Amino acid sequence: MKKIRLSFLIAFLLPVWCFAETETGITESDSVTILKLQNYIMQADRDKTPSVDHGSFPQLKKEFKNAHEVTQTCLSCHTGRAAEVMKTNHWMWERTEKLDGRGEVPLGKKNILNNFCIGIAGSEKTCTRCHIGYGWEDKSFDFSNQLNVDCLICHDNSDTYIKKKGGAGYPDESVDLNYVAQSVGKPSKVNCGVCHFWGGGGNNVKHGDLEKALLNCDRSVDVHMASEGENMSCIECHTTDKHVMAGKLYALSSENKNRATCTQCHTEAPHEDELLNEHFIRIACQTCHIPTYAKANSTKMIWDWSTAGRLDENGNPMHENDADGNHNYLSIKGTFVYDNNVIPEYYWFNGIADHQLITDKIDTIPVQMNSLSGSYLDKGIRQRTDQPSKIWPVKVHRGKQIFDSIHNTLIQPKLHAEMKGDSAYWKDFDWDKAATAGMNYLGLPYSGKYGFVETEMYWPLSHMVSPKEKSLSCKDCHTRNGGRLAQLDDFYLPGRDKNTLLDSVGIALVVLAALGAIIHGALRMFYRKKSTSK
């Protein structure tokens, strides 16, 4: 039986914040005073009355001198909530998980490298603009101080709360903390999207299926979040228990636990056709129901750091756009390739991922930044999961990034600094200095010799679910040439594959069945005539 979703009480018209920075190539005018988008949540069918009017609380009317005082006031009523928050991945930016052959390892934004902006180490002051805390400038940040928790980043419903660029997570000076504190509520799509839509330096850059269009889209983009349909909020699927949200990002995690799944609402047999329900045994729902991604705006498919550093004739950083307005070259980051309405690549996936740690030797090229485990033969009998491998749709982001050509390991360069001369690549454009500073910050060796290596990163898709009439049909996979699953050649797929023995047996059975029917009919006619002649 399908679960009944609870409707939310709060509905607003809110613009999205945009973390646009001039150094990423997005200008202030482009982003509408840096932090505002021209997209609004349209929830006219929902009750617009908040469950609690925080504006009536006298303790929220006093003048707040800083953000820490806001948190202190929140905790005076919401006792114990900070302790919950501080146990979550959103706070710690890491979790302890098992990696094959390496035991339990801390994984998260703190230490995992990617092939987008590579990593946060040495650049925390700007990267932690998406952290749910205040003051994370470097390794000295106090994760045990409850007053460092930022309640407003997730609960602001005022349309005015913004984080300062390069401000280590603190709010911008323009923010009226009293007004925001009196205007809090349940997290909306805007609260989640301000970080998750804009990861990697721009809208839809990383995920491909998470972007600002979801705030006000039609059913063709996403049936769940469509404004004229279900108009679901993120937290209706990513349910929360003591501030721990269900859901996994396999770019930063490895184990198959605490996931948000389709079966939370749709069960494991949602179709009237039993044959379609049987497909669920080895095929993820997303495979058929997300035929394309990046439906509204383009997503980044390739990032080549090796071309970074080119300056104009005056020695200034350059910024070039493609025909669609996407930045395809930035001096600080290199060359990019974007695409939209992208057909996913398909992989067997059992819910377990591996990761290339910064201390790991490079043994395959392209380097697999977060390889997905699974195969057709994997029926789920594994140490860490009882889920069989299923065919999943995946965005594969391909890159070329700096590595130590002597130690044969990836490098974390120092990227961000406020001024030139601090060895940060985004200011000084010197890879050797940036590599030296970044690896020294981590206490890891750097040989002084670097190069650039090809990398691949895998992003399983779960958003931008299409209407059922736009989902894949049988012929999209069960076809001889150009089918969706052409790259998965480790199993026999009817309609796609030829097997001389199986085909011969099948043809023989059809012929024998036909002959049997003919002979049976002939005998009946013969004996009927014989009996009537008597």
Protein backbone atom coordinates (compact mmCIF):
# COMPACT_ATOMS: atom_id res chain seq x y z
CA MET A 1 0.00 0.00 0.00
CA LYS A 2 1.38 3.37 -0.93
CA LYS A 3 2.35 5.68 1.88
CA ILE A 4 0.44 8.95 2.17
CA ARG A 5 2.67 11.98 2.09
CA LEU A 6 2.10 14.73 4.62
CA SER A 7 1.48 18.17 3.16
CA PHE A 8 3.49 20.98 4.61
CA LEU A 9 1.83 23.94 6.32
CA ILE A 10 4.26 26.57 5.08
CA ALA A 11 4.32 28.01 1.58
CA PHE A 12 6.13 31.11 0.43
CA LEU A 13 7.26 33.04 -2.60
CA LEU A 14 11.01 33.06 -2.10
CA PRO A 15 13.88 33.83 -4.47
CA VAL A 16 16.90 31.59 -4.33
CA TRP A 17 20.27 32.71 -3.08
CA CYS A 18 23.09 32.48 -5.52
CA PHE A 19 26.64 31.93 -4.38
CA ALA A 20 28.02 33.84 -7.33
CA GLU A 21 31.56 35.04 -6.96
CA THR A 22 33.36 37.24 -9.42
CA GLU A 23 36.32 34.87 -9.34
CA THR A 24 34.11 32.07 -10.73
CA GLY A 25 33.22 34.20 -13.69
CA ILE A 26 29.68 35.11 -12.59
CA THR A 27 29.26 38.85 -12.19
CA GLU A 28 27.16 40.68 -9.63
CA SER A 29 24.69 41.88 -12.25
CA ASP A 30 24.41 38.38 -13.70
CA SER A 31 23.37 36.97 -10.34
CA VAL A 32 21.06 39.87 -9.36
CA THR A 33 22.99 41.52 -6.54
CA ILE A 34 25.13 38.41 -6.17
CA LEU A 35 22.68 36.31 -4.21
CA LYS A 36 19.21 36.39 -5.81
CA LEU A 37 17.74 34.32 -8.61
CA GLN A 38 14.58 35.12 -10.50
CA ASN A 39 12.85 31.83 -9.55
CA TYR A 40 10.15 31.52 -6.94
CA ILE A 41 8.38 28.73 -5.17
CA MET A 42 4.76 28.61 -6.26
CA GLN A 43 2.70 26.79 -3.63
CA ALA A 44 -0.73 28.40 -3.86
CA ASP A 45 -2.45 25.16 -2.92
CA ARG A 46 -0.77 25.02 0.48
CA ASP A 47 -1.57 26.74 3.74
CA LYS A 48 0.61 29.85 4.02
CA THR A 49 0.22 30.19 7.79
CA PRO A 50 3.35 29.19 9.75
CA SER A 51 2.80 26.74 12.57
CA VAL A 52 4.52 29.12 15.01
CA ASP A 53 4.82 32.90 14.77
CA HIS A 54 8.38 33.51 15.88
CA GLY A 55 7.82 37.23 15.43
CA SER A 56 5.81 37.23 18.66
CA PHE A 57 8.70 35.99 20.80
CA PRO A 58 10.25 38.83 22.82
CA GLN A 59 13.67 37.11 22.99
CA LEU A 60 13.89 37.38 19.20
CA LYS A 61 13.18 41.11 19.21
CA LYS A 62 16.33 42.11 21.04
CA GLU A 63 19.15 43.41 18.88
CA PHE A 64 21.60 40.67 17.96
CA LYS A 65 25.21 41.76 17.80
CA ASN A 66 26.35 38.65 15.94
CA ALA A 67 25.14 35.34 14.55
CA HIS A 68 26.29 33.37 17.60
CA GLU A 69 23.76 35.27 19.71
CA VAL A 70 20.99 34.12 17.37
CA THR A 71 22.01 30.51 17.86
CA GLN A 72 22.14 30.98 21.62
CA THR A 73 18.58 32.34 21.58
CA CYS A 74 17.34 29.49 19.37
CA LEU A 75 18.82 26.94 21.77
CA SER A 76 17.17 28.58 24.78
CA CYS A 77 13.89 27.08 23.54
CA HIS A 78 15.05 24.31 21.20
CA THR A 79 17.15 22.57 23.82
CA GLY A 80 19.22 19.64 22.62
CA ARG A 81 18.84 20.47 18.96
CA ALA A 82 22.44 21.66 18.49
CA ALA A 83 23.69 18.41 20.00
CA GLU A 84 21.68 16.56 17.34
CA VAL A 85 22.94 18.75 14.52
CA MET A 86 26.54 18.28 15.59
CA LYS A 87 26.27 14.52 15.04
CA THR A 88 25.21 14.89 11.43
CA ASN A 89 27.15 14.77 8.19
CA HIS A 90 25.92 18.26 7.37
CA TRP A 91 27.88 19.49 10.40
CA MET A 92 30.95 17.27 10.41
CA TRP A 93 31.33 17.08 6.63
CA GLU A 94 32.51 13.52 7.11
CA ARG A 95 31.35 10.11 8.26
CA THR A 96 33.24 6.93 9.15
CA GLU A 97 32.61 4.23 6.57
CA LYS A 98 34.23 1.05 5.37
CA LEU A 99 36.27 0.90 2.20
CA ASP A 100 37.22 -2.43 0.68
CA GLY A 101 40.73 -3.37 1.75
CA ARG A 102 41.21 -0.26 3.91
CA GLY A 103 38.85 -0.77 6.83
CA GLU A 104 37.01 2.15 8.42
CA VAL A 105 37.95 5.49 6.91
CA PRO A 106 36.63 9.03 7.53
CA LEU A 107 34.92 10.18 4.32
CA GLY A 108 33.41 13.55 3.51
CA LYS A 109 34.01 17.01 2.14
CA LYS A 110 36.77 17.42 4.73
CA ASN A 111 39.05 14.97 2.98
CA ILE A 112 37.57 13.50 -0.20
CA LEU A 113 38.89 14.86 -3.49
CA ASN A 114 36.70 15.35 -6.54
CA ASN A 115 37.32 16.39 -10.13
CA PHE A 116 35.47 19.69 -9.83
CA CYS A 117 37.08 22.16 -7.37
CA ILE A 118 39.24 19.25 -6.12
CA GLY A 119 38.85 19.76 -2.34
CA ILE A 120 38.33 22.23 0.50
CA ALA A 121 41.65 21.90 2.36
CA GLY A 122 43.38 25.25 2.57
CA SER A 123 40.35 27.00 1.08
CA GLU A 124 37.86 26.49 3.90
CA LYS A 125 37.13 30.17 4.28
CA THR A 126 35.32 30.26 0.96
CA CYS A 127 34.14 26.63 0.71
CA THR A 128 32.39 26.69 4.09
CA ARG A 129 29.92 29.22 2.78
CA CYS A 130 27.75 26.13 2.40
CA HIS A 131 28.54 24.76 5.86
CA ILE A 132 25.82 24.88 8.52
CA GLY A 133 28.14 26.69 10.89
CA TYR A 134 29.97 29.91 11.65
CA GLY A 135 33.72 30.52 11.60
CA TRP A 136 35.26 27.54 9.81
CA GLU A 137 38.35 29.27 8.42
CA ASP A 138 40.92 26.50 8.81
CA LYS A 139 41.80 23.35 10.73
CA SER A 140 41.35 25.14 14.07
CA PHE A 141 37.54 25.28 13.77
CA ASP A 142 35.79 24.13 16.95
CA PHE A 143 33.24 21.50 15.97
CA SER A 144 32.24 21.04 19.63
CA ASN A 145 31.01 24.62 20.17
CA GLN A 146 27.22 24.67 19.90
CA LEU A 147 27.19 28.42 19.28
CA ASN A 148 28.98 27.77 15.98
CA VAL A 149 25.84 26.06 14.63
CA ASP A 150 24.00 28.11 12.00
CA CYS A 151 20.27 27.46 12.50
CA LEU A 152 19.25 30.05 9.91
CA ILE A 153 20.88 28.52 6.83
CA CYS A 154 18.29 25.71 6.83
CA HIS A 155 15.34 27.39 8.55
CA ASP A 156 15.26 30.92 7.10
CA ASN A 157 11.96 31.63 5.36
CA SER A 158 12.49 35.38 5.00
CA ASP A 159 14.19 35.61 1.61
CA THR A 160 16.94 37.76 3.10
CA TYR A 161 19.52 35.50 4.75
CA ILE A 162 22.76 35.21 2.80
CA LYS A 163 26.26 34.02 3.64
CA LYS A 164 29.21 36.32 3.06
CA LYS A 165 31.57 35.55 0.20
CA GLY A 166 34.80 34.24 1.73
CA GLY A 167 33.28 34.78 5.17
CA ALA A 168 33.88 31.33 6.69
CA GLY A 169 30.15 30.72 6.92
CA TYR A 170 29.16 33.97 8.61
CA PRO A 171 26.16 35.91 7.30
CA ASP A 172 26.67 38.93 5.09
CA GLU A 173 26.72 42.30 6.85
CA SER A 174 23.50 43.26 5.04
CA VAL A 175 21.47 40.61 6.88
CA ASP A 176 18.99 41.80 9.53
CA LEU A 177 19.42 38.96 12.01
CA ASN A 178 16.33 39.95 14.00
CA TYR A 179 14.10 39.85 10.95
CA VAL A 180 15.47 36.50 9.82
CA ALA A 181 15.22 34.95 13.30
CA GLN A 182 11.57 35.96 13.46
CA SER A 183 10.90 34.44 10.03
CA VAL A 184 12.01 30.83 10.45
CA GLY A 185 10.18 27.65 9.53
CA LYS A 186 10.60 24.23 8.02
CA PRO A 187 13.31 23.93 5.35
CA SER A 188 12.04 24.68 1.86
CA LYS A 189 13.43 23.81 -1.55
CA VAL A 190 15.23 27.15 -1.45
CA ASN A 191 17.03 26.31 1.79
CA CYS A 192 18.30 23.01 0.41
CA GLY A 193 18.95 24.30 -3.09
CA VAL A 194 21.09 27.25 -2.08
CA CYS A 195 23.93 24.77 -1.50
CA HIS A 196 22.93 21.62 -3.37
CA PHE A 197 21.94 23.34 -6.62
CA TRP A 198 25.09 25.46 -6.77
CA GLY A 199 27.88 23.03 -5.89
CA GLY A 200 30.99 23.27 -8.03
CA GLY A 201 30.70 26.97 -8.80
CA GLY A 202 27.39 27.33 -10.62
CA ASN A 203 23.84 26.15 -11.10
CA ASN A 204 23.57 22.44 -11.95
CA VAL A 205 27.34 22.16 -12.39
CA LYS A 206 27.82 18.99 -10.36
CA HIS A 207 24.72 16.85 -10.16
CA GLY A 208 22.98 17.41 -13.46
CA ASP A 209 19.62 16.56 -11.86
CA LEU A 210 19.61 19.18 -9.08
CA GLU A 211 19.23 22.80 -10.08
CA LYS A 212 17.25 26.02 -9.69
CA ALA A 213 14.68 24.99 -12.32
CA LEU A 214 13.20 22.57 -9.78
CA LEU A 215 11.88 25.52 -7.78
CA ASN A 216 9.29 26.33 -10.44
CA CYS A 217 9.14 23.61 -13.07
CA ASP A 218 6.48 21.67 -14.92
CA ARG A 219 5.96 17.91 -14.84
CA SER A 220 8.21 17.33 -17.83
CA VAL A 221 11.19 18.38 -15.71
CA ASP A 222 10.21 16.58 -12.51
CA VAL A 223 6.86 15.03 -11.62
CA HIS A 224 7.47 15.30 -7.88
CA MET A 225 8.62 18.92 -7.63
CA ALA A 226 6.46 20.37 -10.42
CA SER A 227 4.68 23.49 -9.20
CA GLU A 228 1.39 22.54 -10.87
CA GLY A 229 1.58 18.97 -9.58
CA GLU A 230 2.78 17.45 -6.31
CA ASN A 231 5.04 20.46 -5.63
CA MET A 232 7.00 18.37 -3.16
CA SER A 233 9.69 19.79 -0.95
CA CYS A 234 13.06 18.08 -0.54
CA ILE A 235 12.33 16.97 3.03
CA GLU A 236 9.25 15.01 1.98
CA CYS A 237 11.60 12.33 0.62
CA HIS A 238 14.73 13.19 2.58
CA THR A 239 13.01 12.57 5.88
CA THR A 240 14.71 13.60 9.09
CA ASP A 241 15.23 11.97 12.47
CA LYS A 242 17.01 14.13 15.04
CA HIS A 243 18.35 16.28 12.22
CA VAL A 244 19.85 13.26 10.43
CA MET A 245 18.50 13.37 6.87
CA ALA A 246 17.92 10.26 4.80
CA GLY A 247 19.87 10.23 1.58
CA LYS A 248 23.34 9.47 0.24
CA LEU A 249 25.73 11.29 -2.01
CA TYR A 250 28.12 8.67 -3.31
CA ALA A 251 30.69 11.29 -4.22
CA LEU A 252 31.32 11.49 -0.47
CA SER A 253 30.20 8.17 1.00
CA SER A 254 30.57 4.46 0.39
CA GLU A 255 28.05 2.34 2.31
CA ASN A 256 24.49 1.34 1.50
CA LYS A 257 22.68 2.76 4.54
CA ASN A 258 20.40 5.67 5.43
CA ARG A 259 19.20 6.05 1.88
CA ALA A 260 16.15 7.86 0.56
CA THR A 261 14.37 5.44 -1.78
CA CYS A 262 11.46 5.41 -4.21
CA THR A 263 9.84 2.56 -2.28
CA GLN A 264 9.26 4.84 0.69
CA CYS A 265 6.13 5.92 -1.18
CA HIS A 266 5.76 3.64 -4.19
CA THR A 267 6.44 0.17 -2.71
CA GLU A 268 8.40 -2.50 -4.58
CA ALA A 269 5.47 -3.35 -6.86
CA PRO A 270 4.02 -0.04 -8.08
CA HIS A 271 2.97 -1.21 -11.55
CA GLU A 272 -0.22 -2.98 -12.60
CA ASP A 273 1.88 -5.00 -15.04
CA GLU A 274 3.62 -7.74 -13.08
CA LEU A 275 6.35 -8.03 -15.73
CA LEU A 276 7.34 -4.41 -15.06
CA ASN A 277 7.40 -5.11 -11.33
CA GLU A 278 9.77 -8.01 -11.95
CA HIS A 279 12.20 -5.61 -13.62
CA PHE A 280 12.62 -3.89 -10.24
CA ILE A 281 14.61 -6.91 -9.03
CA ARG A 282 17.61 -5.88 -11.13
CA ILE A 283 16.74 -2.43 -12.47
CA ALA A 284 16.53 0.75 -10.38
CA CYS A 285 13.34 2.80 -10.72
CA GLN A 286 15.47 5.72 -11.86
CA THR A 287 16.72 3.83 -14.92
CA CYS A 288 13.37 3.89 -16.68
CA HIS A 289 11.92 7.00 -15.09
CA ILE A 290 14.89 9.37 -15.65
CA PRO A 291 15.52 9.00 -19.40
CA THR A 292 17.44 12.30 -19.54
CA TYR A 293 18.86 14.83 -17.10
CA ALA A 294 19.91 18.50 -17.25
CA LYS A 295 16.51 19.12 -18.81
CA ALA A 296 16.30 22.86 -18.19
CA ASN A 297 19.89 24.09 -17.80
CA SER A 298 23.18 22.58 -18.88
CA THR A 299 25.44 20.58 -16.60
CA LYS A 300 29.21 20.33 -16.64
CA MET A 301 30.47 17.13 -18.27
CA ILE A 302 34.22 17.82 -18.64
CA TRP A 303 36.63 19.97 -16.59
CA ASP A 304 40.23 20.29 -17.74
CA TRP A 305 42.43 22.02 -15.14
CA SER A 306 45.54 21.65 -17.30
CA THR A 307 44.53 24.61 -19.47
CA ALA A 308 44.08 27.02 -16.53
CA GLY A 309 46.32 30.05 -16.10
CA ARG A 310 45.93 31.73 -19.48
CA LEU A 311 45.75 35.53 -18.98
CA ASP A 312 44.82 38.37 -21.30
CA GLU A 313 47.30 40.88 -22.76
CA ASN A 314 47.09 42.95 -19.57
CA GLY A 315 47.82 39.99 -17.32
CA ASN A 316 44.26 39.71 -16.07
CA PRO A 317 42.23 36.51 -15.68
CA MET A 318 40.01 35.58 -18.61
CA HIS A 319 36.39 34.50 -18.81
CA GLU A 320 34.88 33.01 -21.98
CA ASN A 321 31.33 31.71 -22.56
CA ASP A 322 29.94 29.16 -24.97
CA ALA A 323 26.96 29.85 -27.25
CA ASP A 324 24.52 29.01 -24.45
CA GLY A 325 26.11 31.38 -21.95
CA ASN A 326 27.95 28.72 -19.95
CA HIS A 327 31.51 29.65 -19.02
CA ASN A 328 33.66 27.31 -21.11
CA TYR A 329 36.96 28.84 -20.02
CA LEU A 330 38.12 30.51 -16.81
CA SER A 331 41.75 31.36 -16.16
CA ILE A 332 41.38 30.18 -12.57
CA LYS A 333 39.86 26.80 -13.48
CA GLY A 334 40.56 25.85 -17.07
CA THR A 335 38.32 24.54 -19.84
CA PHE A 336 34.81 23.13 -19.48
CA VAL A 337 32.32 21.26 -21.64
CA TYR A 338 28.60 21.51 -20.86
CA ASP A 339 25.62 19.58 -22.17
CA ASN A 340 21.86 19.46 -21.64
CA ASN A 341 19.13 16.88 -22.12
CA VAL A 342 21.84 14.32 -21.49
CA ILE A 343 21.21 10.58 -21.84
CA PRO A 344 22.70 8.87 -18.74
CA GLU A 345 25.35 6.21 -18.80
CA TYR A 346 24.30 2.95 -17.17
CA TYR A 347 26.16 0.87 -14.58
CA TRP A 348 25.54 -2.03 -12.25
CA PHE A 349 25.39 -0.60 -8.72
CA ASN A 350 24.77 -2.31 -5.38
CA GLY A 351 24.87 0.77 -3.15
CA ILE A 352 28.58 0.58 -2.33
CA ALA A 353 31.22 2.95 -3.67
CA ASP A 354 35.00 3.12 -3.47
CA HIS A 355 37.13 6.27 -3.40
CA GLN A 356 40.54 7.41 -4.53
CA LEU A 357 42.01 8.93 -1.38
CA ILE A 358 44.75 11.53 -1.60
CA THR A 359 47.18 9.02 -0.06
CA ASP A 360 46.32 6.26 -2.57
CA LYS A 361 48.68 5.45 -5.41
CA ILE A 362 47.20 5.93 -8.86
CA ASP A 363 46.83 2.52 -10.48
CA THR A 364 44.27 3.14 -13.22
CA ILE A 365 43.85 5.90 -15.77
CA PRO A 366 41.40 7.53 -15.90
CA VAL A 367 41.60 7.71 -12.12
CA GLN A 368 38.35 6.47 -10.60
CA MET A 369 37.50 9.14 -8.05
CA ASN A 370 34.50 7.22 -6.69
CA SER A 371 33.94 3.94 -8.51
CA LEU A 372 30.54 2.25 -8.10
CA SER A 373 30.56 -1.42 -7.08
CA GLY A 374 28.35 -3.97 -8.77
CA SER A 375 27.97 -6.50 -11.54
CA TYR A 376 25.33 -8.72 -13.07
CA LEU A 377 26.66 -11.66 -11.07
CA ASP A 378 26.30 -9.74 -7.78
CA LYS A 379 23.08 -11.09 -6.30
CA GLY A 380 23.49 -9.20 -3.03
CA ILE A 381 25.49 -11.74 -1.03
CA ARG A 382 28.11 -9.33 0.22
CA GLN A 383 29.53 -8.42 3.58
CA ARG A 384 28.05 -4.93 3.64
CA THR A 385 24.79 -5.19 1.68
CA ASP A 386 22.04 -7.66 0.94
CA GLN A 387 20.89 -5.64 -2.06
CA PRO A 388 21.60 -7.15 -5.46
CA SER A 389 23.26 -4.99 -8.05
CA LYS A 390 20.81 -3.05 -10.17
CA ILE A 391 21.20 -1.09 -13.37
CA TRP A 392 21.40 2.60 -12.49
CA PRO A 393 21.48 5.79 -14.59
CA VAL A 394 24.65 7.77 -13.86
CA LYS A 395 26.15 11.11 -14.76
CA VAL A 396 29.87 10.61 -15.39
CA HIS A 397 31.96 13.74 -14.96
CA ARG A 398 35.33 13.55 -16.66
CA GLY A 399 38.24 15.72 -15.69
CA LYS A 400 41.94 16.37 -15.88
CA GLN A 401 43.57 17.50 -12.65
CA ILE A 402 46.91 17.97 -10.96
CA PHE A 403 48.86 15.02 -9.55
CA ASP A 404 52.33 14.31 -8.19
CA SER A 405 54.20 12.70 -11.08
CA ILE A 406 56.87 11.23 -8.77
CA HIS A 407 54.79 9.98 -5.85
CA ASN A 408 51.99 9.04 -8.28
CA THR A 409 49.28 10.47 -6.05
CA LEU A 410 46.68 13.19 -6.46
CA ILE A 411 47.43 16.67 -5.16
CA GLN A 412 45.31 19.05 -3.13
CA PRO A 413 46.42 22.50 -4.26
CA LYS A 414 45.71 25.65 -2.30
CA LEU A 415 43.12 27.48 -4.39
CA HIS A 416 41.59 30.36 -2.44
CA ALA A 417 43.14 33.43 -0.84
CA GLU A 418 41.98 36.97 -0.40
CA MET A 419 45.18 38.53 -1.72
CA LYS A 420 48.00 37.69 -4.12
CA GLY A 421 51.21 36.29 -2.70
CA ASP A 422 49.62 33.60 -0.50
CA SER A 423 50.42 30.79 -2.97
CA ALA A 424 46.73 30.29 -3.85
CA TYR A 425 46.31 29.32 -7.49
CA TRP A 426 43.23 31.50 -8.01
CA LYS A 427 45.39 34.56 -7.24
CA ASP A 428 48.97 33.67 -8.18
CA PHE A 429 48.44 31.17 -11.04
CA ASP A 430 51.47 29.12 -10.00
CA TRP A 431 50.75 25.39 -9.79
CA ASP A 432 53.99 24.52 -8.01
CA LYS A 433 53.42 27.07 -5.24
CA ALA A 434 49.77 26.05 -4.92
CA ALA A 435 50.68 22.36 -4.70
CA THR A 436 53.40 23.02 -2.13
CA ALA A 437 51.09 25.12 0.04
CA GLY A 438 48.17 22.69 -0.22
CA MET A 439 50.14 19.56 0.60
CA ASN A 440 52.02 21.28 3.44
CA TYR A 441 48.66 22.29 4.90
CA LEU A 442 47.67 18.62 4.95
CA GLY A 443 51.07 17.44 6.18
CA LEU A 444 51.54 15.26 3.10
CA PRO A 445 54.61 14.90 0.87
CA TYR A 446 54.97 16.70 -2.44
CA SER A 447 57.89 15.85 -4.72
CA GLY A 448 57.99 19.18 -6.50
CA LYS A 449 57.05 17.54 -9.79
CA TYR A 450 53.49 17.66 -11.05
CA GLY A 451 51.46 16.78 -14.10
CA PHE A 452 47.81 16.38 -15.00
CA VAL A 453 45.91 13.10 -15.06
CA GLU A 454 42.53 12.13 -16.46
CA THR A 455 39.85 11.35 -13.88
CA GLU A 456 36.26 10.12 -13.78
CA MET A 457 33.58 10.70 -11.17
CA TYR A 458 30.19 9.00 -10.92
CA TRP A 459 26.91 10.63 -9.84
CA PRO A 460 23.92 8.23 -9.63
CA LEU A 461 20.75 10.09 -10.64
CA SER A 462 17.56 10.30 -8.59
CA HIS A 463 15.95 13.63 -9.50
CA MET A 464 14.25 14.98 -12.62
CA VAL A 465 11.82 12.06 -12.74
CA SER A 466 9.79 12.16 -15.97
CA PRO A 467 6.04 11.55 -16.36
CA LYS A 468 5.25 7.90 -17.01
CA GLU A 469 4.42 8.58 -20.65
CA LYS A 470 7.96 9.93 -21.11
CA SER A 471 9.68 7.03 -19.37
CA LEU A 472 11.68 4.44 -21.25
CA SER A 473 9.80 1.83 -23.24
CA CYS A 474 10.79 -1.76 -23.97
CA LYS A 475 12.38 -0.89 -27.31
CA ASP A 476 14.77 1.59 -25.68
CA CYS A 477 16.73 -1.33 -24.21
CA HIS A 478 15.51 -4.44 -25.99
CA THR A 479 16.82 -3.49 -29.40
CA ARG A 480 19.62 -4.81 -31.54
CA ASN A 481 21.45 -1.55 -32.25
CA GLY A 482 21.86 1.65 -30.25
CA GLY A 483 19.96 0.53 -27.16
CA ARG A 484 20.33 2.26 -23.80
CA LEU A 485 22.15 -0.70 -22.26
CA ALA A 486 24.65 -1.33 -25.06
CA GLN A 487 27.63 -0.78 -22.76
CA LEU A 488 26.43 -3.43 -20.27
CA ASP A 489 27.54 -6.54 -22.07
CA ASP A 490 27.96 -8.92 -19.12
CA PHE A 491 24.50 -10.47 -19.40
CA TYR A 492 22.06 -11.73 -22.04
CA LEU A 493 19.38 -9.17 -22.94
CA PRO A 494 16.52 -10.48 -25.10
CA GLY A 495 16.03 -8.48 -28.26
CA ARG A 496 19.56 -7.10 -28.08
CA ASP A 497 21.90 -10.07 -27.94
CA LYS A 498 22.42 -13.04 -30.21
CA ASN A 499 23.21 -16.49 -28.84
CA THR A 500 23.36 -19.19 -31.46
CA LEU A 501 22.42 -22.00 -29.08
CA LEU A 502 19.61 -20.12 -27.35
CA ASP A 503 18.29 -18.75 -30.64
CA SER A 504 18.36 -22.22 -32.22
CA VAL A 505 16.60 -23.80 -29.28
CA GLY A 506 14.00 -21.03 -29.29
CA ILE A 507 13.34 -21.39 -33.02
CA ALA A 508 13.16 -25.17 -32.67
CA LEU A 509 10.62 -24.90 -29.86
CA VAL A 510 8.48 -22.53 -31.91
CA VAL A 511 8.63 -24.87 -34.93
CA LEU A 512 7.83 -27.93 -32.79
CA ALA A 513 4.93 -26.12 -31.16
CA ALA A 514 3.58 -25.17 -34.59
CA LEU A 515 4.03 -28.72 -35.90
CA GLY A 516 2.37 -30.12 -32.81
CA ALA A 517 -0.63 -27.87 -33.32
CA ILE A 518 -0.87 -28.80 -37.00
CA ILE A 519 -0.57 -32.54 -36.33
CA HIS A 520 -3.05 -32.35 -33.47
CA GLY A 521 -5.56 -30.51 -35.67
CA ALA A 522 -5.05 -32.93 -38.54
CA LEU A 523 -5.62 -35.96 -36.28
CA ARG A 524 -8.81 -34.47 -34.87
CA MET A 525 -10.14 -33.84 -38.36
CA PHE A 526 -9.16 -37.37 -39.48
CA TYR A 527 -10.88 -39.12 -36.59
CA ARG A 528 -13.95 -36.88 -36.84
CA LYS A 529 -14.41 -37.81 -40.52
CA LYS A 530 -13.80 -41.45 -39.68
CA SER A 531 -16.40 -41.44 -36.92
CA THR A 532 -19.04 -39.70 -39.10
CA SER A 533 -18.48 -42.14 -41.97
CA LYS A 534 -19.59 -44.98 -39.74
